[in-house]
């Protein structure tokens, strides 16, 4: 119920054109994530596994991020790894865009003062 109400009220917001353009830009970047994705190789629990015996081990994906200032790592299923990688790339694009917006804001402020 809350999601429907929130979505309904979002369409009634009075946004200036710059805000609307930013929200459109933000929507185009979905999904978003911040952190890193790493492929590692881990041994399994089978006692005579040929891959582990040869030293190749088994590939696994780990997602690392910070929560409350502490490093956290989570296992990622292989099927989700490409989606998460895209979300991380989108997150980096968003961070870069925020830097650009900050510089633009400062430039406009300086122009108004002159």
C-alpha atoms as a PDB file:
ATOM      1  CA  UNK A   1       0.000   0.000   0.000  1.00  0.00           C
ATOM      2  CA  UNK A   2       2.760   2.433   0.915  1.00  0.00           C
ATOM      3  CA  UNK A   3       4.603   1.909  -2.403  1.00  0.00           C
ATOM      4  CA  UNK A   4       1.482   2.727  -4.411  1.00  0.00           C
ATOM      5  CA  UNK A   5       0.815   5.845  -2.380  1.00  0.00           C
ATOM      6  CA  UNK A   6       4.455   6.966  -2.646  1.00  0.00           C
ATOM      7  CA  UNK A   7       4.540   6.385  -6.410  1.00  0.00           C
ATOM      8  CA  UNK A   8       1.229   8.200  -6.852  1.00  0.00           C
ATOM      9  CA  UNK A   9       2.384  11.230  -4.865  1.00  0.00           C
ATOM     10  CA  UNK A  10       5.743  11.302  -6.711  1.00  0.00           C
ATOM     11  CA  UNK A  11       3.991  12.228  -9.959  1.00  0.00           C
ATOM     12  CA  UNK A  12       2.463  15.312  -8.279  1.00  0.00           C
ATOM     13  CA  UNK A  13       5.807  16.797  -7.211  1.00  0.00           C
ATOM     14  CA  UNK A  14       6.547  20.266  -8.479  1.00  0.00           C
ATOM     15  CA  UNK A  15      10.054  19.873  -9.831  1.00  0.00           C
ATOM     16  CA  UNK A  16      12.037  22.410 -11.768  1.00  0.00           C
ATOM     17  CA  UNK A  17      13.360  21.157 -15.132  1.00  0.00           C
ATOM     18  CA  UNK A  18      16.862  20.484 -13.752  1.00  0.00           C
ATOM     19  CA  UNK A  19      15.502  18.289 -10.945  1.00  0.00           C
ATOM     20  CA  UNK A  20      13.261  16.385 -13.351  1.00  0.00           C
ATOM     21  CA  UNK A  21      16.206  15.827 -15.715  1.00  0.00           C
ATOM     22  CA  UNK A  22      18.344  14.530 -12.836  1.00  0.00           C
ATOM     23  CA  UNK A  23      15.621  12.128 -11.697  1.00  0.00           C
ATOM     24  CA  UNK A  24      15.299  10.838 -15.271  1.00  0.00           C
ATOM     25  CA  UNK A  25      19.088  10.398 -15.397  1.00  0.00           C
ATOM     26  CA  UNK A  26      18.965   8.570 -12.068  1.00  0.00           C
ATOM     27  CA  UNK A  27      16.174   6.252 -13.221  1.00  0.00           C
ATOM     28  CA  UNK A  28      18.190   5.377 -16.336  1.00  0.00           C
ATOM     29  CA  UNK A  29      21.087   4.267 -14.119  1.00  0.00           C
ATOM     30  CA  UNK A  30      19.073   1.648 -12.217  1.00  0.00           C
ATOM     31  CA  UNK A  31      20.196  -0.744 -10.709  1.00  0.00           C
ATOM     32  CA  UNK A  32      22.753   0.998  -8.482  1.00  0.00           C
ATOM     33  CA  UNK A  33      25.313  -0.356  -6.026  1.00  0.00           C
ATOM     34  CA  UNK A  34      28.517   0.723  -4.335  1.00  0.00           C
ATOM     35  CA  UNK A  35      31.309  -1.669  -3.479  1.00  0.00           C
ATOM     36  CA  UNK A  36      33.377  -4.186  -5.399  1.00  0.00           C
ATOM     37  CA  UNK A  37      32.855  -7.570  -6.991  1.00  0.00           C
ATOM     38  CA  UNK A  38      35.681 -10.098  -7.001  1.00  0.00           C
ATOM     39  CA  UNK A  39      36.011 -13.598  -8.335  1.00  0.00           C
ATOM     40  CA  UNK A  40      37.943 -15.885  -5.998  1.00  0.00           C
ATOM     41  CA  UNK A  41      38.730 -19.598  -6.012  1.00  0.00           C
ATOM     42  CA  UNK A  42      37.797 -21.700  -2.999  1.00  0.00           C
ATOM     43  CA  UNK A  43      38.172 -25.354  -2.078  1.00  0.00           C
ATOM     44  CA  UNK A  44      35.070 -27.452  -1.643  1.00  0.00           C
ATOM     45  CA  UNK A  45      34.252 -29.989   1.081  1.00  0.00           C
ATOM     46  CA  UNK A  46      34.550 -33.122  -1.065  1.00  0.00           C
ATOM     47  CA  UNK A  47      37.582 -35.113   0.092  1.00  0.00           C
ATOM     48  CA  UNK A  48      38.868 -36.248  -3.344  1.00  0.00           C
ATOM     49  CA  UNK A  49      37.732 -33.425  -5.619  1.00  0.00           C
ATOM     50  CA  UNK A  50      39.910 -33.344  -8.766  1.00  0.00           C
ATOM     51  CA  UNK A  51      39.691 -29.545  -9.097  1.00  0.00           C
ATOM     52  CA  UNK A  52      40.782 -28.971  -5.504  1.00  0.00           C
ATOM     53  CA  UNK A  53      43.498 -31.630  -5.740  1.00  0.00           C
ATOM     54  CA  UNK A  54      45.001 -29.982  -8.825  1.00  0.00           C
ATOM     55  CA  UNK A  55      44.953 -26.557  -7.131  1.00  0.00           C
ATOM     56  CA  UNK A  56      42.376 -25.025  -9.508  1.00  0.00           C
ATOM     57  CA  UNK A  57      39.650 -25.006  -6.828  1.00  0.00           C
ATOM     58  CA  UNK A  58      36.167 -23.634  -7.573  1.00  0.00           C
ATOM     59  CA  UNK A  59      35.247 -20.113  -8.721  1.00  0.00           C
ATOM     60  CA  UNK A  60      33.069 -17.992  -6.436  1.00  0.00           C
ATOM     61  CA  UNK A  61      31.997 -14.336  -6.497  1.00  0.00           C
ATOM     62  CA  UNK A  62      32.246 -12.010  -3.487  1.00  0.00           C
ATOM     63  CA  UNK A  63      30.613  -8.607  -3.099  1.00  0.00           C
ATOM     64  CA  UNK A  64      32.501  -6.306  -0.699  1.00  0.00           C
ATOM     65  CA  UNK A  65      31.006  -3.123   0.714  1.00  0.00           C
ATOM     66  CA  UNK A  66      31.076  -0.980   3.831  1.00  0.00           C
ATOM     67  CA  UNK A  67      28.296  -0.942   6.407  1.00  0.00           C
ATOM     68  CA  UNK A  68      28.598   1.417   9.380  1.00  0.00           C
ATOM     69  CA  UNK A  69      32.286   1.871   8.545  1.00  0.00           C
ATOM     70  CA  UNK A  70      33.064  -1.845   8.580  1.00  0.00           C
ATOM     71  CA  UNK A  71      34.029  -3.979   5.605  1.00  0.00           C
ATOM     72  CA  UNK A  72      31.434  -6.639   4.782  1.00  0.00           C
ATOM     73  CA  UNK A  73      31.701  -9.441   2.197  1.00  0.00           C
ATOM     74  CA  UNK A  74      28.823 -11.472   0.826  1.00  0.00           C
ATOM     75  CA  UNK A  75      28.724 -14.478  -1.482  1.00  0.00           C
ATOM     76  CA  UNK A  76      27.104 -13.732  -4.853  1.00  0.00           C
ATOM     77  CA  UNK A  77      25.525 -16.474  -6.989  1.00  0.00           C
ATOM     78  CA  UNK A  78      27.220 -16.694 -10.404  1.00  0.00           C
ATOM     79  CA  UNK A  79      23.944 -15.856 -12.178  1.00  0.00           C
ATOM     80  CA  UNK A  80      23.698 -12.558 -10.278  1.00  0.00           C
ATOM     81  CA  UNK A  81      27.323 -11.474 -10.857  1.00  0.00           C
ATOM     82  CA  UNK A  82      26.714  -9.714 -14.241  1.00  0.00           C
ATOM     83  CA  UNK A  83      23.724  -7.795 -12.851  1.00  0.00           C
ATOM     84  CA  UNK A  84      25.691  -6.732  -9.779  1.00  0.00           C
ATOM     85  CA  UNK A  85      28.648  -5.689 -11.959  1.00  0.00           C
ATOM     86  CA  UNK A  86      26.312  -3.458 -13.993  1.00  0.00           C
ATOM     87  CA  UNK A  87      24.919  -1.973 -10.769  1.00  0.00           C
ATOM     88  CA  UNK A  88      28.465  -1.200  -9.587  1.00  0.00           C
ATOM     89  CA  UNK A  89      29.320   0.433 -12.935  1.00  0.00           C
ATOM     90  CA  UNK A  90      26.131   2.502 -12.688  1.00  0.00           C
ATOM     91  CA  UNK A  91      27.030   3.475  -9.122  1.00  0.00           C
ATOM     92  CA  UNK A  92      30.413   4.781 -10.309  1.00  0.00           C
ATOM     93  CA  UNK A  93      28.667   6.789 -13.047  1.00  0.00           C
ATOM     94  CA  UNK A  94      26.335   8.295 -10.430  1.00  0.00           C
ATOM     95  CA  UNK A  95      29.261   9.261  -8.192  1.00  0.00           C
ATOM     96  CA  UNK A  96      30.970  10.949 -11.161  1.00  0.00           C
ATOM     97  CA  UNK A  97      27.753  12.797 -12.022  1.00  0.00           C
ATOM     98  CA  UNK A  98      27.429  14.057  -8.432  1.00  0.00           C
ATOM     99  CA  UNK A  99      30.970  15.449  -8.635  1.00  0.00           C
ATOM    100  CA  UNK A 100      30.054  17.231 -11.863  1.00  0.00           C
ATOM    101  CA  UNK A 101      26.856  18.635 -10.319  1.00  0.00           C
ATOM    102  CA  UNK A 102      28.835  19.996  -7.371  1.00  0.00           C
ATOM    103  CA  UNK A 103      31.238  21.768  -9.716  1.00  0.00           C
ATOM    104  CA  UNK A 104      28.323  23.177 -11.749  1.00  0.00           C
ATOM    105  CA  UNK A 105      26.631  24.434  -8.583  1.00  0.00           C
ATOM    106  CA  UNK A 106      29.783  26.230  -7.492  1.00  0.00           C
ATOM    107  CA  UNK A 107      30.271  27.772 -10.948  1.00  0.00           C
ATOM    108  CA  UNK A 108      26.680  29.093 -10.955  1.00  0.00           C
ATOM    109  CA  UNK A 109      27.101  30.530  -7.472  1.00  0.00           C
ATOM    110  CA  UNK A 110      30.253  32.361  -8.531  1.00  0.00           C
ATOM    111  CA  UNK A 111      28.527  33.741 -11.652  1.00  0.00           C
ATOM    112  CA  UNK A 112      25.640  35.114  -9.555  1.00  0.00           C
ATOM    113  CA  UNK A 113      28.021  36.867  -7.174  1.00  0.00           C
ATOM    114  CA  UNK A 114      29.765  38.738 -10.006  1.00  0.00           C
END
